[in-house]
Amino acid sequence: KIADGTYEASGEGFHGAIEVEVKVAAGKISSVTVLSNQETPDVAGGALANLPKAIVSEQRLDVDAVSGATYTSKGIIEAVKNALAGAPTK
């Protein structure tokens, strides 16, 4: 059970920090937004676009990494995990 609110944190991608915002409503993850990153768009674009959606739709962090963007995928998952481990920022 996760407290409702907005959470922010970062995880380590291939080229540096990936910052995310996670919104929780009614005890469920309602959105995951990548706020900033230094990843290469051609390589990491699929992970940056699709992994947040997968986390929301599956309501878990144990989602498949995007092929070819493993470090970016792990960074996004780490950032969401770190966010949910902290207190809401809003």
PDB file of N, CA and C in Angstrom:
ATOM      1  N   LYS A   1       0.857  -1.195   0.000  1.00  0.00           N
ATOM      2  CA  LYS A   1       0.000   0.000   0.000  1.00  0.00           C
ATOM      3  C   LYS A   1       0.889   1.240   0.000  1.00  0.00           C
ATOM      4  N   ILE A   2       0.672   2.101  -0.956  1.00  0.00           N
ATOM      5  CA  ILE A   2       1.470   3.316  -1.105  1.00  0.00           C
ATOM      6  C   ILE A   2       0.576   4.510  -0.798  1.00  0.00           C
ATOM      7  N   ALA A   3       1.098   5.450  -0.017  1.00  0.00           N
ATOM      8  CA  ALA A   3       0.338   6.657   0.301  1.00  0.00           C
ATOM      9  C   ALA A   3       0.141   7.499  -0.951  1.00  0.00           C
ATOM     10  N   ASP A   4      -1.052   8.045  -1.106  1.00  0.00           N
ATOM     11  CA  ASP A   4      -1.337   8.914  -2.242  1.00  0.00           C
ATOM     12  C   ASP A   4      -0.443  10.151  -2.193  1.00  0.00           C
ATOM     13  N   GLY A   5      -0.061  10.627  -3.361  1.00  0.00           N
ATOM     14  CA  GLY A   5       0.757  11.824  -3.456  1.00  0.00           C
ATOM     15  C   GLY A   5       1.656  11.774  -4.671  1.00  0.00           C
ATOM     16  N   THR A   6       2.554  12.731  -4.752  1.00  0.00           N
ATOM     17  CA  THR A   6       3.522  12.822  -5.837  1.00  0.00           C
ATOM     18  C   THR A   6       4.911  12.594  -5.260  1.00  0.00           C
ATOM     19  N   TYR A   7       5.659  11.727  -5.887  1.00  0.00           N
ATOM     20  CA  TYR A   7       6.993  11.357  -5.429  1.00  0.00           C
ATOM     21  C   TYR A   7       7.999  11.679  -6.524  1.00  0.00           C
ATOM     22  N   GLU A   8       9.180  12.117  -6.148  1.00  0.00           N
ATOM     23  CA  GLU A   8      10.242  12.365  -7.126  1.00  0.00           C
ATOM     24  C   GLU A   8      11.545  11.766  -6.620  1.00  0.00           C
ATOM     25  N   ALA A   9      12.320  11.219  -7.542  1.00  0.00           N
ATOM     26  CA  ALA A   9      13.641  10.675  -7.212  1.00  0.00           C
ATOM     27  C   ALA A   9      14.378  10.416  -8.517  1.00  0.00           C
ATOM     28  N   SER A  10      15.609   9.938  -8.388  1.00  0.00           N
ATOM     29  CA  SER A  10      16.396   9.631  -9.578  1.00  0.00           C
ATOM     30  C   SER A  10      17.031   8.256  -9.470  1.00  0.00           C
ATOM     31  N   GLY A  11      17.435   7.753 -10.619  1.00  0.00           N
ATOM     32  CA  GLY A  11      18.159   6.498 -10.740  1.00  0.00           C
ATOM     33  C   GLY A  11      19.279   6.712 -11.733  1.00  0.00           C
ATOM     34  N   GLU A  12      20.212   5.795 -11.781  1.00  0.00           N
ATOM     35  CA  GLU A  12      21.386   5.952 -12.637  1.00  0.00           C
ATOM     36  C   GLU A  12      21.174   5.260 -13.982  1.00  0.00           C
ATOM     37  N   GLY A  13      21.179   6.054 -15.051  1.00  0.00           N
ATOM     38  CA  GLY A  13      21.080   5.516 -16.402  1.00  0.00           C
ATOM     39  C   GLY A  13      22.468   5.305 -16.986  1.00  0.00           C
ATOM     40  N   PHE A  14      22.551   5.132 -18.293  1.00  0.00           N
ATOM     41  CA  PHE A  14      23.842   4.901 -18.955  1.00  0.00           C
ATOM     42  C   PHE A  14      24.708   6.153 -18.940  1.00  0.00           C
ATOM     43  N   HIS A  15      24.084   7.323 -19.141  1.00  0.00           N
ATOM     44  CA  HIS A  15      24.823   8.585 -19.218  1.00  0.00           C
ATOM     45  C   HIS A  15      24.587   9.511 -18.034  1.00  0.00           C
ATOM     46  N   GLY A  16      24.055   8.992 -16.947  1.00  0.00           N
ATOM     47  CA  GLY A  16      23.831   9.834 -15.771  1.00  0.00           C
ATOM     48  C   GLY A  16      22.453   9.647 -15.183  1.00  0.00           C
ATOM     49  N   ALA A  17      22.087  10.594 -14.336  1.00  0.00           N
ATOM     50  CA  ALA A  17      20.830  10.493 -13.589  1.00  0.00           C
ATOM     51  C   ALA A  17      19.603  10.587 -14.486  1.00  0.00           C
ATOM     52  N   ILE A  18      18.608   9.776 -14.138  1.00  0.00           N
ATOM     53  CA  ILE A  18      17.286   9.838 -14.757  1.00  0.00           C
ATOM     54  C   ILE A  18      16.337  10.217 -13.629  1.00  0.00           C
ATOM     55  N   GLU A  19      15.704  11.381 -13.742  1.00  0.00           N
ATOM     56  CA  GLU A  19      14.788  11.843 -12.706  1.00  0.00           C
ATOM     57  C   GLU A  19      13.352  11.565 -13.123  1.00  0.00           C
ATOM     58  N   VAL A  20      12.562  11.053 -12.162  1.00  0.00           N
ATOM     59  CA  VAL A  20      11.170  10.735 -12.450  1.00  0.00           C
ATOM     60  C   VAL A  20      10.231  11.353 -11.422  1.00  0.00           C
ATOM     61  N   GLU A  21       8.999  11.504 -11.848  1.00  0.00           N
ATOM     62  CA  GLU A  21       7.907  11.898 -10.963  1.00  0.00           C
ATOM     63  C   GLU A  21       6.892  10.768 -11.013  1.00  0.00           C
ATOM     64  N   VAL A  22       6.505  10.288  -9.842  1.00  0.00           N
ATOM     65  CA  VAL A  22       5.537   9.198  -9.741  1.00  0.00           C
ATOM     66  C   VAL A  22       4.319   9.722  -8.986  1.00  0.00           C
ATOM     67  N   LYS A  23       3.148   9.580  -9.582  1.00  0.00           N
ATOM     68  CA  LYS A  23       1.909   9.985  -8.911  1.00  0.00           C
ATOM     69  C   LYS A  23       1.151   8.738  -8.488  1.00  0.00           C
ATOM     70  N   VAL A  24       0.669   8.798  -7.246  1.00  0.00           N
ATOM     71  CA  VAL A  24      -0.092   7.689  -6.680  1.00  0.00           C
ATOM     72  C   VAL A  24      -1.467   8.209  -6.273  1.00  0.00           C
ATOM     73  N   ALA A  25      -2.495   7.517  -6.720  1.00  0.00           N
ATOM     74  CA  ALA A  25      -3.873   7.867  -6.375  1.00  0.00           C
ATOM     75  C   ALA A  25      -4.612   6.581  -6.012  1.00  0.00           C
ATOM     76  N   ALA A  26      -5.390   6.635  -4.955  1.00  0.00           N
ATOM     77  CA  ALA A  26      -6.143   5.466  -4.474  1.00  0.00           C
ATOM     78  C   ALA A  26      -5.218   4.275  -4.235  1.00  0.00           C
ATOM     79  N   GLY A  27      -3.993   4.560  -3.790  1.00  0.00           N
ATOM     80  CA  GLY A  27      -3.045   3.502  -3.457  1.00  0.00           C
ATOM     81  C   GLY A  27      -2.397   2.828  -4.651  1.00  0.00           C
ATOM     82  N   LYS A  28      -2.616   3.357  -5.859  1.00  0.00           N
ATOM     83  CA  LYS A  28      -2.042   2.764  -7.069  1.00  0.00           C
ATOM     84  C   LYS A  28      -1.224   3.800  -7.830  1.00  0.00           C
ATOM     85  N   ILE A  29      -0.232   3.318  -8.563  1.00  0.00           N
ATOM     86  CA  ILE A  29       0.578   4.205  -9.398  1.00  0.00           C
ATOM     87  C   ILE A  29      -0.295   4.684 -10.551  1.00  0.00           C
ATOM     88  N   SER A  30      -0.531   5.996 -10.603  1.00  0.00           N
ATOM     89  CA  SER A  30      -1.392   6.527 -11.659  1.00  0.00           C
ATOM     90  C   SER A  30      -0.596   7.087 -12.833  1.00  0.00           C
ATOM     91  N   SER A  31       0.661   7.523 -12.569  1.00  0.00           N
ATOM     92  CA  SER A  31       1.510   7.979 -13.672  1.00  0.00           C
ATOM     93  C   SER A  31       2.976   7.952 -13.261  1.00  0.00           C
ATOM     94  N   VAL A  32       3.813   7.754 -14.262  1.00  0.00           N
ATOM     95  CA  VAL A  32       5.267   7.846 -14.110  1.00  0.00           C
ATOM     96  C   VAL A  32       5.740   8.747 -15.239  1.00  0.00           C
ATOM     97  N   THR A  33       6.413   9.843 -14.887  1.00  0.00           N
ATOM     98  CA  THR A  33       6.893  10.801 -15.878  1.00  0.00           C
ATOM     99  C   THR A  33       8.391  10.970 -15.724  1.00  0.00           C
ATOM    100  N   VAL A  34       9.135  10.828 -16.819  1.00  0.00           N
ATOM    101  CA  VAL A  34      10.568  11.095 -16.791  1.00  0.00           C
ATOM    102  C   VAL A  34      10.742  12.609 -16.894  1.00  0.00           C
ATOM    103  N   LEU A  35      11.317  13.203 -15.852  1.00  0.00           N
ATOM    104  CA  LEU A  35      11.489  14.654 -15.809  1.00  0.00           C
ATOM    105  C   LEU A  35      12.758  15.105 -16.518  1.00  0.00           C
ATOM    106  N   SER A  36      13.831  14.347 -16.355  1.00  0.00           N
ATOM    107  CA  SER A  36      15.090  14.711 -17.022  1.00  0.00           C
ATOM    108  C   SER A  36      15.979  13.490 -17.165  1.00  0.00           C
ATOM    109  N   ASN A  37      16.834  13.538 -18.169  1.00  0.00           N
ATOM    110  CA  ASN A  37      17.792  12.459 -18.412  1.00  0.00           C
ATOM    111  C   ASN A  37      18.858  12.947 -19.382  1.00  0.00           C
ATOM    112  N   GLN A  38      19.968  12.226 -19.440  1.00  0.00           N
ATOM    113  CA  GLN A  38      21.051  12.534 -20.373  1.00  0.00           C
ATOM    114  C   GLN A  38      21.264  11.387 -21.360  1.00  0.00           C
ATOM    115  N   GLU A  39      20.258  10.561 -21.515  1.00  0.00           N
ATOM    116  CA  GLU A  39      20.394   9.393 -22.371  1.00  0.00           C
ATOM    117  C   GLU A  39      20.379   9.784 -23.855  1.00  0.00           C
ATOM    118  N   THR A  40      20.909   8.916 -24.695  1.00  0.00           N
ATOM    119  CA  THR A  40      20.927   9.128 -26.141  1.00  0.00           C
ATOM    120  C   THR A  40      19.532   8.805 -26.689  1.00  0.00           C
ATOM    121  N   PRO A  41      18.844   9.786 -27.269  1.00  0.00           N
ATOM    122  CA  PRO A  41      17.455   9.563 -27.705  1.00  0.00           C
ATOM    123  C   PRO A  41      17.272   8.370 -28.650  1.00  0.00           C
ATOM    124  N   ASP A  42      18.171   8.194 -29.614  1.00  0.00           N
ATOM    125  CA  ASP A  42      18.022   7.095 -30.574  1.00  0.00           C
ATOM    126  C   ASP A  42      18.096   5.735 -29.906  1.00  0.00           C
ATOM    127  N   VAL A  43      18.884   5.626 -28.840  1.00  0.00           N
ATOM    128  CA  VAL A  43      19.063   4.347 -28.157  1.00  0.00           C
ATOM    129  C   VAL A  43      18.028   4.167 -27.047  1.00  0.00           C
ATOM    130  N   ALA A  44      17.830   5.210 -26.244  1.00  0.00           N
ATOM    131  CA  ALA A  44      17.022   5.096 -25.034  1.00  0.00           C
ATOM    132  C   ALA A  44      15.562   5.507 -25.225  1.00  0.00           C
ATOM    133  N   GLY A  45      15.218   6.044 -26.383  1.00  0.00           N
ATOM    134  CA  GLY A  45      13.869   6.558 -26.598  1.00  0.00           C
ATOM    135  C   GLY A  45      12.766   5.560 -26.300  1.00  0.00           C
ATOM    136  N   GLY A  46      12.944   4.319 -26.698  1.00  0.00           N
ATOM    137  CA  GLY A  46      11.928   3.290 -26.444  1.00  0.00           C
ATOM    138  C   GLY A  46      11.718   3.049 -24.968  1.00  0.00           C
ATOM    139  N   ALA A  47      12.809   2.989 -24.216  1.00  0.00           N
ATOM    140  CA  ALA A  47      12.700   2.773 -22.769  1.00  0.00           C
ATOM    141  C   ALA A  47      12.059   3.980 -22.094  1.00  0.00           C
ATOM    142  N   LEU A  48      12.478   5.177 -22.493  1.00  0.00           N
ATOM    143  CA  LEU A  48      11.945   6.392 -21.875  1.00  0.00           C
ATOM    144  C   LEU A  48      10.446   6.545 -22.143  1.00  0.00           C
ATOM    145  N   ALA A  49       9.991   6.110 -23.298  1.00  0.00           N
ATOM    146  CA  ALA A  49       8.578   6.232 -23.657  1.00  0.00           C
ATOM    147  C   ALA A  49       7.730   5.082 -23.118  1.00  0.00           C
ATOM    148  N   ASN A  50       8.257   3.864 -23.173  1.00  0.00           N
ATOM    149  CA  ASN A  50       7.428   2.690 -22.891  1.00  0.00           C
ATOM    150  C   ASN A  50       7.512   2.135 -21.480  1.00  0.00           C
ATOM    151  N   LEU A  51       8.659   2.255 -20.823  1.00  0.00           N
ATOM    152  CA  LEU A  51       8.790   1.671 -19.489  1.00  0.00           C
ATOM    153  C   LEU A  51       7.870   2.334 -18.468  1.00  0.00           C
ATOM    154  N   PRO A  52       7.767   3.663 -18.447  1.00  0.00           N
ATOM    155  CA  PRO A  52       6.816   4.269 -17.496  1.00  0.00           C
ATOM    156  C   PRO A  52       5.387   3.763 -17.703  1.00  0.00           C
ATOM    157  N   LYS A  53       4.970   3.599 -18.948  1.00  0.00           N
ATOM    158  CA  LYS A  53       3.631   3.089 -19.242  1.00  0.00           C
ATOM    159  C   LYS A  53       3.463   1.663 -18.727  1.00  0.00           C
ATOM    160  N   ALA A  54       4.507   0.846 -18.900  1.00  0.00           N
ATOM    161  CA  ALA A  54       4.450  -0.544 -18.445  1.00  0.00           C
ATOM    162  C   ALA A  54       4.337  -0.619 -16.921  1.00  0.00           C
ATOM    163  N   ILE A  55       5.069   0.238 -16.224  1.00  0.00           N
ATOM    164  CA  ILE A  55       5.006   0.246 -14.759  1.00  0.00           C
ATOM    165  C   ILE A  55       3.601   0.608 -14.297  1.00  0.00           C
ATOM    166  N   VAL A  56       2.984   1.586 -14.939  1.00  0.00           N
ATOM    167  CA  VAL A  56       1.625   1.989 -14.564  1.00  0.00           C
ATOM    168  C   VAL A  56       0.634   0.874 -14.894  1.00  0.00           C
ATOM    169  N   SER A  57       0.705   0.316 -16.092  1.00  0.00           N
ATOM    170  CA  SER A  57      -0.285  -0.688 -16.489  1.00  0.00           C
ATOM    171  C   SER A  57      -0.146  -1.981 -15.697  1.00  0.00           C
ATOM    172  N   GLU A  58       1.082  -2.362 -15.340  1.00  0.00           N
ATOM    173  CA  GLU A  58       1.295  -3.610 -14.605  1.00  0.00           C
ATOM    174  C   GLU A  58       1.307  -3.414 -13.093  1.00  0.00           C
ATOM    175  N   GLN A  59       1.392  -2.143 -12.630  1.00  0.00           N
ATOM    176  CA  GLN A  59       1.401  -1.822 -11.207  1.00  0.00           C
ATOM    177  C   GLN A  59       2.509  -2.562 -10.452  1.00  0.00           C
ATOM    178  N   ARG A  60       3.665  -2.663 -11.106  1.00  0.00           N
ATOM    179  CA  ARG A  60       4.816  -3.289 -10.461  1.00  0.00           C
ATOM    180  C   ARG A  60       6.086  -2.783 -11.122  1.00  0.00           C
ATOM    181  N   LEU A  61       7.216  -2.983 -10.425  1.00  0.00           N
ATOM    182  CA  LEU A  61       8.502  -2.547 -10.962  1.00  0.00           C
ATOM    183  C   LEU A  61       9.217  -3.659 -11.711  1.00  0.00           C
ATOM    184  N   ASP A  62       8.746  -4.882 -11.555  1.00  0.00           N
ATOM    185  CA  ASP A  62       9.369  -6.019 -12.211  1.00  0.00           C
ATOM    186  C   ASP A  62       8.839  -6.142 -13.637  1.00  0.00           C
ATOM    187  N   VAL A  63       9.203  -5.141 -14.462  1.00  0.00           N
ATOM    188  CA  VAL A  63       8.788  -5.136 -15.867  1.00  0.00           C
ATOM    189  C   VAL A  63      10.011  -5.435 -16.733  1.00  0.00           C
ATOM    190  N   ASP A  64       9.782  -5.877 -17.942  1.00  0.00           N
ATOM    191  CA  ASP A  64      10.878  -6.218 -18.845  1.00  0.00           C
ATOM    192  C   ASP A  64      11.634  -4.965 -19.284  1.00  0.00           C
ATOM    193  N   ALA A  65      12.961  -5.062 -19.274  1.00  0.00           N
ATOM    194  CA  ALA A  65      13.809  -3.982 -19.789  1.00  0.00           C
ATOM    195  C   ALA A  65      13.631  -3.907 -21.299  1.00  0.00           C
ATOM    196  N   VAL A  66      13.838  -2.724 -21.856  1.00  0.00           N
ATOM    197  CA  VAL A  66      13.736  -2.536 -23.298  1.00  0.00           C
ATOM    198  C   VAL A  66      15.058  -2.976 -23.920  1.00  0.00           C
ATOM    199  N   SER A  67      14.990  -3.874 -24.875  1.00  0.00           N
ATOM    200  CA  SER A  67      16.182  -4.400 -25.535  1.00  0.00           C
ATOM    201  C   SER A  67      16.993  -3.277 -26.161  1.00  0.00           C
ATOM    202  N   GLY A  68      18.285  -3.265 -25.901  1.00  0.00           N
ATOM    203  CA  GLY A  68      19.165  -2.237 -26.436  1.00  0.00           C
ATOM    204  C   GLY A  68      19.273  -1.022 -25.541  1.00  0.00           C
ATOM    205  N   ALA A  69      18.427  -0.956 -24.511  1.00  0.00           N
ATOM    206  CA  ALA A  69      18.439   0.177 -23.576  1.00  0.00           C
ATOM    207  C   ALA A  69      18.354  -0.338 -22.141  1.00  0.00           C
ATOM    208  N   THR A  70      19.146  -1.364 -21.875  1.00  0.00           N
ATOM    209  CA  THR A  70      19.098  -2.024 -20.564  1.00  0.00           C
ATOM    210  C   THR A  70      19.447  -1.074 -19.428  1.00  0.00           C
ATOM    211  N   TYR A  71      20.513  -0.290 -19.578  1.00  0.00           N
ATOM    212  CA  TYR A  71      20.918   0.620 -18.502  1.00  0.00           C
ATOM    213  C   TYR A  71      19.887   1.717 -18.276  1.00  0.00           C
ATOM    214  N   THR A  72      19.306   2.212 -19.342  1.00  0.00           N
ATOM    215  CA  THR A  72      18.250   3.214 -19.217  1.00  0.00           C
ATOM    216  C   THR A  72      17.047   2.598 -18.520  1.00  0.00           C
ATOM    217  N   SER A  73      16.675   1.399 -18.924  1.00  0.00           N
ATOM    218  CA  SER A  73      15.546   0.706 -18.305  1.00  0.00           C
ATOM    219  C   SER A  73      15.777   0.525 -16.807  1.00  0.00           C
ATOM    220  N   LYS A  74      16.956   0.050 -16.451  1.00  0.00           N
ATOM    221  CA  LYS A  74      17.279  -0.158 -15.035  1.00  0.00           C
ATOM    222  C   LYS A  74      17.274   1.163 -14.276  1.00  0.00           C
ATOM    223  N   GLY A  75      17.735   2.237 -14.919  1.00  0.00           N
ATOM    224  CA  GLY A  75      17.743   3.552 -14.290  1.00  0.00           C
ATOM    225  C   GLY A  75      16.338   4.065 -14.013  1.00  0.00           C
ATOM    226  N   ILE A  76      15.423   3.841 -14.943  1.00  0.00           N
ATOM    227  CA  ILE A  76      14.030   4.259 -14.749  1.00  0.00           C
ATOM    228  C   ILE A  76      13.401   3.471 -13.602  1.00  0.00           C
ATOM    229  N   ILE A  77      13.599   2.169 -13.616  1.00  0.00           N
ATOM    230  CA  ILE A  77      13.047   1.317 -12.557  1.00  0.00           C
ATOM    231  C   ILE A  77      13.625   1.708 -11.204  1.00  0.00           C
ATOM    232  N   GLU A  78      14.934   1.946 -11.151  1.00  0.00           N
ATOM    233  CA  GLU A  78      15.583   2.362  -9.908  1.00  0.00           C
ATOM    234  C   GLU A  78      15.015   3.693  -9.420  1.00  0.00           C
ATOM    235  N   ALA A  79      14.798   4.624 -10.335  1.00  0.00           N
ATOM    236  CA  ALA A  79      14.265   5.934  -9.971  1.00  0.00           C
ATOM    237  C   ALA A  79      12.859   5.808  -9.384  1.00  0.00           C
ATOM    238  N   VAL A  80      12.014   4.992  -9.992  1.00  0.00           N
ATOM    239  CA  VAL A  80      10.654   4.799  -9.487  1.00  0.00           C
ATOM    240  C   VAL A  80      10.700   4.130  -8.114  1.00  0.00           C
ATOM    241  N   LYS A  81      11.558   3.132  -7.976  1.00  0.00           N
ATOM    242  CA  LYS A  81      11.715   2.449  -6.688  1.00  0.00           C
ATOM    243  C   LYS A  81      12.164   3.441  -5.613  1.00  0.00           C
ATOM    244  N   ASN A  82      13.148   4.262  -5.942  1.00  0.00           N
ATOM    245  CA  ASN A  82      13.639   5.257  -4.987  1.00  0.00           C
ATOM    246  C   ASN A  82      12.554   6.268  -4.629  1.00  0.00           C
ATOM    247  N   ALA A  83      11.771   6.668  -5.621  1.00  0.00           N
ATOM    248  CA  ALA A  83      10.701   7.628  -5.377  1.00  0.00           C
ATOM    249  C   ALA A  83       9.677   7.053  -4.395  1.00  0.00           C
ATOM    250  N   LEU A  84       9.238   5.825  -4.653  1.00  0.00           N
ATOM    251  CA  LEU A  84       8.213   5.228  -3.819  1.00  0.00           C
ATOM    252  C   LEU A  84       8.719   4.867  -2.427  1.00  0.00           C
ATOM    253  N   ALA A  85      10.029   4.770  -2.262  1.00  0.00           N
ATOM    254  CA  ALA A  85      10.613   4.477  -0.948  1.00  0.00           C
ATOM    255  C   ALA A  85      10.662   5.713  -0.063  1.00  0.00           C
ATOM    256  N   GLY A  86      10.503   6.898  -0.664  1.00  0.00           N
ATOM    257  CA  GLY A  86      10.570   8.146   0.084  1.00  0.00           C
ATOM    258  C   GLY A  86       9.199   8.685   0.444  1.00  0.00           C
ATOM    259  N   ALA A  87       9.208   9.881   0.976  1.00  0.00           N
ATOM    260  CA  ALA A  87       7.960  10.549   1.317  1.00  0.00           C
ATOM    261  C   ALA A  87       7.454  11.343   0.116  1.00  0.00           C
ATOM    262  N   PRO A  88       6.150  11.527   0.013  1.00  0.00           N
ATOM    263  CA  PRO A  88       5.617  12.325  -1.096  1.00  0.00           C
ATOM    264  C   PRO A  88       6.201  13.736  -1.072  1.00  0.00           C
ATOM    265  N   THR A  89       6.469  14.284  -2.249  1.00  0.00           N
ATOM    266  CA  THR A  89       6.990  15.646  -2.350  1.00  0.00           C
ATOM    267  C   THR A  89       5.846  16.649  -2.463  1.00  0.00           C
ATOM    268  N   LYS A  90       4.656  16.172  -2.795  1.00  0.00           N
ATOM    269  CA  LYS A  90       3.484  17.055  -2.931  1.00  0.00           C
ATOM    270  C   LYS A  90       2.267  16.354  -2.369  1.00  0.00           C
TER     271      LYS A  90
END
